[in-house]
All heavy atoms as atom14 arrays in JSON, in Angstrom:
{
  "sequence": "HTTSLGHVWNRAWADIAATRKGRDAELIVSCDS",
  "atom14_mask": [
    [1, 1, 1, 1, 1, 1, 1, 1, 1, 1, 0, 0, 0, 0],
    [1, 1, 1, 1, 1, 1, 1, 0, 0, 0, 0, 0, 0, 0],
    [1, 1, 1, 1, 1, 1, 1, 0, 0, 0, 0, 0, 0, 0],
    [1, 1, 1, 1, 1, 1, 0, 0, 0, 0, 0, 0, 0, 0],
    [1, 1, 1, 1, 1, 1, 1, 1, 0, 0, 0, 0, 0, 0],
    [1, 1, 1, 1, 0, 0, 0, 0, 0, 0, 0, 0, 0, 0],
    [1, 1, 1, 1, 1, 1, 1, 1, 1, 1, 0, 0, 0, 0],
    [1, 1, 1, 1, 1, 1, 1, 0, 0, 0, 0, 0, 0, 0],
    [1, 1, 1, 1, 1, 1, 1, 1, 1, 1, 1, 1, 1, 1],
    [1, 1, 1, 1, 1, 1, 1, 1, 0, 0, 0, 0, 0, 0],
    [1, 1, 1, 1, 1, 1, 1, 1, 1, 1, 1, 0, 0, 0],
    [1, 1, 1, 1, 1, 0, 0, 0, 0, 0, 0, 0, 0, 0],
    [1, 1, 1, 1, 1, 1, 1, 1, 1, 1, 1, 1, 1, 1],
    [1, 1, 1, 1, 1, 0, 0, 0, 0, 0, 0, 0, 0, 0],
    [1, 1, 1, 1, 1, 1, 1, 1, 0, 0, 0, 0, 0, 0],
    [1, 1, 1, 1, 1, 1, 1, 1, 0, 0, 0, 0, 0, 0],
    [1, 1, 1, 1, 1, 0, 0, 0, 0, 0, 0, 0, 0, 0],
    [1, 1, 1, 1, 1, 0, 0, 0, 0, 0, 0, 0, 0, 0],
    [1, 1, 1, 1, 1, 1, 1, 0, 0, 0, 0, 0, 0, 0],
    [1, 1, 1, 1, 1, 1, 1, 1, 1, 1, 1, 0, 0, 0],
    [1, 1, 1, 1, 1, 1, 1, 1, 1, 0, 0, 0, 0, 0],
    [1, 1, 1, 1, 0, 0, 0, 0, 0, 0, 0, 0, 0, 0],
    [1, 1, 1, 1, 1, 1, 1, 1, 1, 1, 1, 0, 0, 0],
    [1, 1, 1, 1, 1, 1, 1, 1, 0, 0, 0, 0, 0, 0],
    [1, 1, 1, 1, 1, 0, 0, 0, 0, 0, 0, 0, 0, 0],
    [1, 1, 1, 1, 1, 1, 1, 1, 1, 0, 0, 0, 0, 0],
    [1, 1, 1, 1, 1, 1, 1, 1, 0, 0, 0, 0, 0, 0],
    [1, 1, 1, 1, 1, 1, 1, 1, 0, 0, 0, 0, 0, 0],
    [1, 1, 1, 1, 1, 1, 1, 0, 0, 0, 0, 0, 0, 0],
    [1, 1, 1, 1, 1, 1, 0, 0, 0, 0, 0, 0, 0, 0],
    [1, 1, 1, 1, 1, 1, 0, 0, 0, 0, 0, 0, 0, 0],
    [1, 1, 1, 1, 1, 1, 1, 1, 0, 0, 0, 0, 0, 0],
    [1, 1, 1, 1, 1, 1, 0, 0, 0, 0, 0, 0, 0, 0]
  ],
  "atom14_positions": [
    [[4.54, -16.48, -8.44], [4.9, -15.53, -9.5], [6.08, -14.7, -8.98], [6.19, -14.44, -7.78], [3.72, -14.59, -9.82], [2.49, -15.29, -10.26], [2.31, -15.75, -11.54], [1.38, -15.65, -9.57], [1.12, -16.35, -11.63], [0.53, -16.29, -10.43], [0.0, 0.0, 0.0], [0.0, 0.0, 0.0], [0.0, 0.0, 0.0], [0.0, 0.0, 0.0]],
    [[6.92, -14.29, -9.87], [8.05, -13.43, -9.5], [7.57, -11.98, -9.54], [7.11, -11.5, -10.59], [9.24, -13.61, -10.43], [9.66, -14.98, -10.36], [10.42, -12.73, -10.03], [0.0, 0.0, 0.0], [0.0, 0.0, 0.0], [0.0, 0.0, 0.0], [0.0, 0.0, 0.0], [0.0, 0.0, 0.0], [0.0, 0.0, 0.0], [0.0, 0.0, 0.0]],
    [[7.66, -11.3, -8.41], [7.2, -9.9, -8.35], [7.98, -9.21, -7.22], [8.84, -9.81, -6.59], [5.69, -9.87, -8.07], [5.24, -8.51, -8.1], [5.37, -10.45, -6.7], [0.0, 0.0, 0.0], [0.0, 0.0, 0.0], [0.0, 0.0, 0.0], [0.0, 0.0, 0.0], [0.0, 0.0, 0.0], [0.0, 0.0, 0.0], [0.0, 0.0, 0.0]],
    [[7.65, -7.97, -6.99], [8.26, -7.22, -5.89], [7.22, -7.08, -4.77], [6.03, -6.9, -5.05], [8.75, -5.84, -6.35], [7.64, -5.0, -6.6], [0.0, 0.0, 0.0], [0.0, 0.0, 0.0], [0.0, 0.0, 0.0], [0.0, 0.0, 0.0], [0.0, 0.0, 0.0], [0.0, 0.0, 0.0], [0.0, 0.0, 0.0], [0.0, 0.0, 0.0]],
    [[7.67, -7.17, -3.52], [6.77, -7.01, -2.39], [6.15, -5.62, -2.38], [5.01, -5.43, -1.96], [7.49, -7.31, -1.08], [7.66, -8.79, -0.73], [8.51, -8.94, 0.5], [6.3, -9.44, -0.49], [0.0, 0.0, 0.0], [0.0, 0.0, 0.0], [0.0, 0.0, 0.0], [0.0, 0.0, 0.0], [0.0, 0.0, 0.0], [0.0, 0.0, 0.0]],
    [[6.93, -4.62, -2.79], [6.39, -3.26, -2.83], [5.18, -3.15, -3.72], [4.2, -2.48, -3.38], [0.0, 0.0, 0.0], [0.0, 0.0, 0.0], [0.0, 0.0, 0.0], [0.0, 0.0, 0.0], [0.0, 0.0, 0.0], [0.0, 0.0, 0.0], [0.0, 0.0, 0.0], [0.0, 0.0, 0.0], [0.0, 0.0, 0.0], [0.0, 0.0, 0.0]],
    [[5.21, -3.85, -4.87], [4.06, -3.87, -5.77], [2.86, -4.49, -5.09], [1.73, -4.02, -5.23], [4.44, -4.64, -7.04], [3.3, -4.81, -7.98], [2.79, -3.75, -8.73], [2.58, -5.91, -8.33], [1.79, -4.2, -9.48], [1.66, -5.51, -9.27], [0.0, 0.0, 0.0], [0.0, 0.0, 0.0], [0.0, 0.0, 0.0], [0.0, 0.0, 0.0]],
    [[3.09, -5.56, -4.3], [1.99, -6.27, -3.65], [1.34, -5.42, -2.56], [0.11, -5.28, -2.53], [2.53, -7.6, -3.03], [1.43, -8.3, -2.23], [3.03, -8.52, -4.14], [0.0, 0.0, 0.0], [0.0, 0.0, 0.0], [0.0, 0.0, 0.0], [0.0, 0.0, 0.0], [0.0, 0.0, 0.0], [0.0, 0.0, 0.0], [0.0, 0.0, 0.0]],
    [[2.15, -4.82, -1.68], [1.51, -4.04, -0.6], [0.91, -2.73, -1.12], [-0.06, -2.24, -0.54], [2.45, -3.84, 0.59], [3.63, -2.94, 0.41], [3.63, -1.65, 0.01], [5.01, -3.29, 0.66], [4.91, -1.15, 0.0], [5.78, -2.15, 0.39], [5.65, -4.42, 1.09], [7.16, -2.11, 0.54], [7.0, -4.39, 1.24], [7.76, -3.26, 0.94]],
    [[1.45, -2.18, -2.2], [0.83, -0.99, -2.79], [-0.55, -1.29, -3.37], [-1.47, -0.48, -3.25], [1.75, -0.39, -3.86], [2.93, 0.34, -3.25], [2.83, 0.92, -2.16], [4.07, 0.33, -3.93], [0.0, 0.0, 0.0], [0.0, 0.0, 0.0], [0.0, 0.0, 0.0], [0.0, 0.0, 0.0], [0.0, 0.0, 0.0], [0.0, 0.0, 0.0]],
    [[-0.68, -2.45, -4.0], [-1.99, -2.84, -4.52], [-2.97, -3.09, -3.38], [-4.15, -2.73, -3.47], [-1.86, -4.1, -5.37], [-1.26, -3.82, -6.76], [-1.24, -5.06, -7.63], [-2.55, -5.67, -7.77], [-2.81, -6.71, -8.57], [-1.82, -7.26, -9.26], [-4.01, -7.2, -8.66], [0.0, 0.0, 0.0], [0.0, 0.0, 0.0], [0.0, 0.0, 0.0]],
    [[-2.47, -3.73, -2.31], [-3.35, -3.97, -1.15], [-3.83, -2.65, -0.55], [-4.99, -2.49, -0.14], [-2.63, -4.82, -0.11], [0.0, 0.0, 0.0], [0.0, 0.0, 0.0], [0.0, 0.0, 0.0], [0.0, 0.0, 0.0], [0.0, 0.0, 0.0], [0.0, 0.0, 0.0], [0.0, 0.0, 0.0], [0.0, 0.0, 0.0], [0.0, 0.0, 0.0]],
    [[-2.91, -1.68, -0.46], [-3.26, -0.35, 0.07], [-4.3, 0.34, -0.81], [-5.23, 1.0, -0.33], [-2.01, 0.47, 0.21], [-2.2, 1.84, 0.83], [-2.11, 3.05, 0.21], [-2.52, 2.13, 2.2], [-2.36, 4.09, 1.1], [-2.61, 3.53, 2.33], [-2.74, 1.33, 3.32], [-2.9, 4.15, 3.54], [-3.04, 1.95, 4.53], [-3.1, 3.35, 4.63]],
    [[-4.13, 0.18, -2.12], [-5.1, 0.76, -3.06], [-6.47, 0.09, -2.95], [-7.52, 0.74, -3.1], [-4.57, 0.68, -4.5], [0.0, 0.0, 0.0], [0.0, 0.0, 0.0], [0.0, 0.0, 0.0], [0.0, 0.0, 0.0], [0.0, 0.0, 0.0], [0.0, 0.0, 0.0], [0.0, 0.0, 0.0], [0.0, 0.0, 0.0], [0.0, 0.0, 0.0]],
    [[-6.48, -1.21, -2.67], [-7.73, -1.96, -2.58], [-8.63, -1.46, -1.44], [-9.86, -1.6, -1.5], [-7.45, -3.45, -2.37], [-6.93, -4.12, -3.64], [-7.06, -3.51, -4.72], [-6.38, -5.23, -3.53], [0.0, 0.0, 0.0], [0.0, 0.0, 0.0], [0.0, 0.0, 0.0], [0.0, 0.0, 0.0], [0.0, 0.0, 0.0], [0.0, 0.0, 0.0]],
    [[-8.03, -0.9, -0.39], [-8.83, -0.46, 0.75], [-9.04, 1.05, 0.72], [-9.26, 1.67, 1.76], [-8.17, -0.89, 2.08], [-6.8, -0.28, 2.25], [-8.11, -2.41, 2.18], [-6.2, -0.48, 3.64], [0.0, 0.0, 0.0], [0.0, 0.0, 0.0], [0.0, 0.0, 0.0], [0.0, 0.0, 0.0], [0.0, 0.0, 0.0], [0.0, 0.0, 0.0]],
    [[-8.97, 1.63, -0.46], [-9.15, 3.1, -0.59], [-10.52, 3.5, -0.06], [-10.65, 4.54, 0.62], [-9.01, 3.51, -2.05], [0.0, 0.0, 0.0], [0.0, 0.0, 0.0], [0.0, 0.0, 0.0], [0.0, 0.0, 0.0], [0.0, 0.0, 0.0], [0.0, 0.0, 0.0], [0.0, 0.0, 0.0], [0.0, 0.0, 0.0], [0.0, 0.0, 0.0]],
    [[-11.53, 2.68, -0.3], [-12.87, 3.03, 0.18], [-12.94, 2.96, 1.71], [-13.61, 3.8, 2.36], [-13.9, 2.07, -0.42], [0.0, 0.0, 0.0], [0.0, 0.0, 0.0], [0.0, 0.0, 0.0], [0.0, 0.0, 0.0], [0.0, 0.0, 0.0], [0.0, 0.0, 0.0], [0.0, 0.0, 0.0], [0.0, 0.0, 0.0], [0.0, 0.0, 0.0]],
    [[-12.21, 2.02, 2.32], [-12.24, 1.87, 3.76], [-11.59, 3.07, 4.45], [-12.05, 3.52, 5.5], [-11.48, 0.58, 4.17], [-12.08, -0.53, 3.51], [-11.58, 0.37, 5.67], [0.0, 0.0, 0.0], [0.0, 0.0, 0.0], [0.0, 0.0, 0.0], [0.0, 0.0, 0.0], [0.0, 0.0, 0.0], [0.0, 0.0, 0.0], [0.0, 0.0, 0.0]],
    [[-10.51, 3.62, 3.87], [-9.81, 4.74, 4.49], [-10.25, 6.09, 3.96], [-9.66, 7.13, 4.29], [-8.29, 4.56, 4.31], [-7.84, 4.4, 2.89], [-6.36, 3.98, 2.84], [-5.93, 3.62, 1.5], [-5.5, 4.45, 0.57], [-5.48, 5.75, 0.83], [-5.13, 4.02, -0.62], [0.0, 0.0, 0.0], [0.0, 0.0, 0.0], [0.0, 0.0, 0.0]],
    [[-11.31, 6.1, 3.13], [-11.81, 7.35, 2.59], [-12.27, 8.27, 3.71], [-13.01, 7.86, 4.62], [-12.95, 7.09, 1.62], [-13.45, 8.34, 0.94], [-14.55, 8.0, -0.07], [-15.07, 9.27, -0.78], [-16.13, 8.94, -1.74], [0.0, 0.0, 0.0], [0.0, 0.0, 0.0], [0.0, 0.0, 0.0], [0.0, 0.0, 0.0], [0.0, 0.0, 0.0]],
    [[-11.82, 9.5, 3.68], [-12.2, 10.49, 4.69], [-11.37, 10.4, 5.95], [-11.63, 11.16, 6.9], [0.0, 0.0, 0.0], [0.0, 0.0, 0.0], [0.0, 0.0, 0.0], [0.0, 0.0, 0.0], [0.0, 0.0, 0.0], [0.0, 0.0, 0.0], [0.0, 0.0, 0.0], [0.0, 0.0, 0.0], [0.0, 0.0, 0.0], [0.0, 0.0, 0.0]],
    [[-10.38, 9.52, 5.99], [-9.55, 9.4, 7.19], [-8.13, 9.9, 6.91], [-7.67, 9.92, 5.75], [-9.48, 7.94, 7.64], [-10.85, 7.36, 8.05], [-10.68, 6.08, 8.78], [-9.91, 6.24, 10.0], [-9.62, 5.24, 10.84], [-10.07, 4.03, 10.56], [-8.9, 5.45, 11.92], [0.0, 0.0, 0.0], [0.0, 0.0, 0.0], [0.0, 0.0, 0.0]],
    [[-7.46, 10.31, 7.97], [-6.07, 10.74, 7.85], [-5.19, 9.52, 8.04], [-4.75, 9.2, 9.14], [-5.75, 11.79, 8.94], [-4.31, 12.3, 8.83], [-3.6, 11.88, 7.89], [-3.92, 13.12, 9.7], [0.0, 0.0, 0.0], [0.0, 0.0, 0.0], [0.0, 0.0, 0.0], [0.0, 0.0, 0.0], [0.0, 0.0, 0.0], [0.0, 0.0, 0.0]],
    [[-4.99, 8.78, 6.95], [-4.24, 7.52, 6.98], [-3.13, 7.55, 5.96], [-3.31, 7.98, 4.82], [-5.15, 6.33, 6.71], [0.0, 0.0, 0.0], [0.0, 0.0, 0.0], [0.0, 0.0, 0.0], [0.0, 0.0, 0.0], [0.0, 0.0, 0.0], [0.0, 0.0, 0.0], [0.0, 0.0, 0.0], [0.0, 0.0, 0.0], [0.0, 0.0, 0.0]],
    [[-1.92, 7.11, 6.37], [-0.76, 7.16, 5.48], [0.06, 5.88, 5.63], [0.26, 5.39, 6.73], [0.11, 8.37, 5.83], [1.3, 8.56, 4.92], [2.15, 9.76, 5.27], [1.77, 10.49, 6.22], [3.2, 9.96, 4.64], [0.0, 0.0, 0.0], [0.0, 0.0, 0.0], [0.0, 0.0, 0.0], [0.0, 0.0, 0.0], [0.0, 0.0, 0.0]],
    [[0.49, 5.37, 4.5], [1.37, 4.21, 4.46], [2.8, 4.73, 4.24], [3.09, 5.36, 3.23], [0.99, 3.24, 3.33], [1.83, 1.99, 3.21], [1.69, 1.11, 4.46], [1.48, 1.21, 1.94], [0.0, 0.0, 0.0], [0.0, 0.0, 0.0], [0.0, 0.0, 0.0], [0.0, 0.0, 0.0], [0.0, 0.0, 0.0], [0.0, 0.0, 0.0]],
    [[3.69, 4.46, 5.21], [5.08, 4.94, 5.14], [6.0, 3.76, 4.9], [6.04, 2.81, 5.7], [5.47, 5.67, 6.45], [4.48, 6.8, 6.75], [6.89, 6.18, 6.38], [4.63, 7.38, 8.14], [0.0, 0.0, 0.0], [0.0, 0.0, 0.0], [0.0, 0.0, 0.0], [0.0, 0.0, 0.0], [0.0, 0.0, 0.0], [0.0, 0.0, 0.0]],
    [[6.73, 3.82, 3.81], [7.66, 2.74, 3.47], [9.09, 3.26, 3.7], [9.52, 4.19, 3.05], [7.5, 2.29, 2.01], [8.51, 1.19, 1.69], [6.08, 1.81, 1.76], [0.0, 0.0, 0.0], [0.0, 0.0, 0.0], [0.0, 0.0, 0.0], [0.0, 0.0, 0.0], [0.0, 0.0, 0.0], [0.0, 0.0, 0.0], [0.0, 0.0, 0.0]],
    [[9.77, 2.64, 4.66], [11.13, 3.1, 5.0], [12.13, 2.01, 4.64], [12.65, 1.31, 5.51], [11.23, 3.44, 6.51], [10.83, 2.32, 7.27], [0.0, 0.0, 0.0], [0.0, 0.0, 0.0], [0.0, 0.0, 0.0], [0.0, 0.0, 0.0], [0.0, 0.0, 0.0], [0.0, 0.0, 0.0], [0.0, 0.0, 0.0], [0.0, 0.0, 0.0]],
    [[12.36, 1.83, 3.34], [13.35, 0.87, 2.86], [13.82, 1.29, 1.48], [13.12, 1.98, 0.75], [12.79, -0.56, 2.84], [11.37, -0.75, 1.75], [0.0, 0.0, 0.0], [0.0, 0.0, 0.0], [0.0, 0.0, 0.0], [0.0, 0.0, 0.0], [0.0, 0.0, 0.0], [0.0, 0.0, 0.0], [0.0, 0.0, 0.0], [0.0, 0.0, 0.0]],
    [[15.04, 0.87, 1.16], [15.62, 1.21, -0.14], [15.46, 0.1, -1.16], [15.89, 0.23, -2.3], [17.13, 1.5, 0.02], [17.38, 2.68, 0.97], [16.53, 3.58, 0.97], [18.39, 2.65, 1.69], [0.0, 0.0, 0.0], [0.0, 0.0, 0.0], [0.0, 0.0, 0.0], [0.0, 0.0, 0.0], [0.0, 0.0, 0.0], [0.0, 0.0, 0.0]],
    [[14.85, -1.01, -0.74], [14.76, -2.15, -1.65], [13.3, -2.57, -1.86], [12.96, -3.74, -1.83], [15.55, -3.32, -1.06], [15.16, -3.57, 0.28], [0.0, 0.0, 0.0], [0.0, 0.0, 0.0], [0.0, 0.0, 0.0], [0.0, 0.0, 0.0], [0.0, 0.0, 0.0], [0.0, 0.0, 0.0], [0.0, 0.0, 0.0], [0.0, 0.0, 0.0]]
  ]
}
């Protein structure tokens, strides 16, 4: 499927919301594309 990688990793990060619940965890994206 044609998509953006940013969309894919954001969904993966959202999927593990329960796993990181209560933790100080942050996803940092350092790119302009």
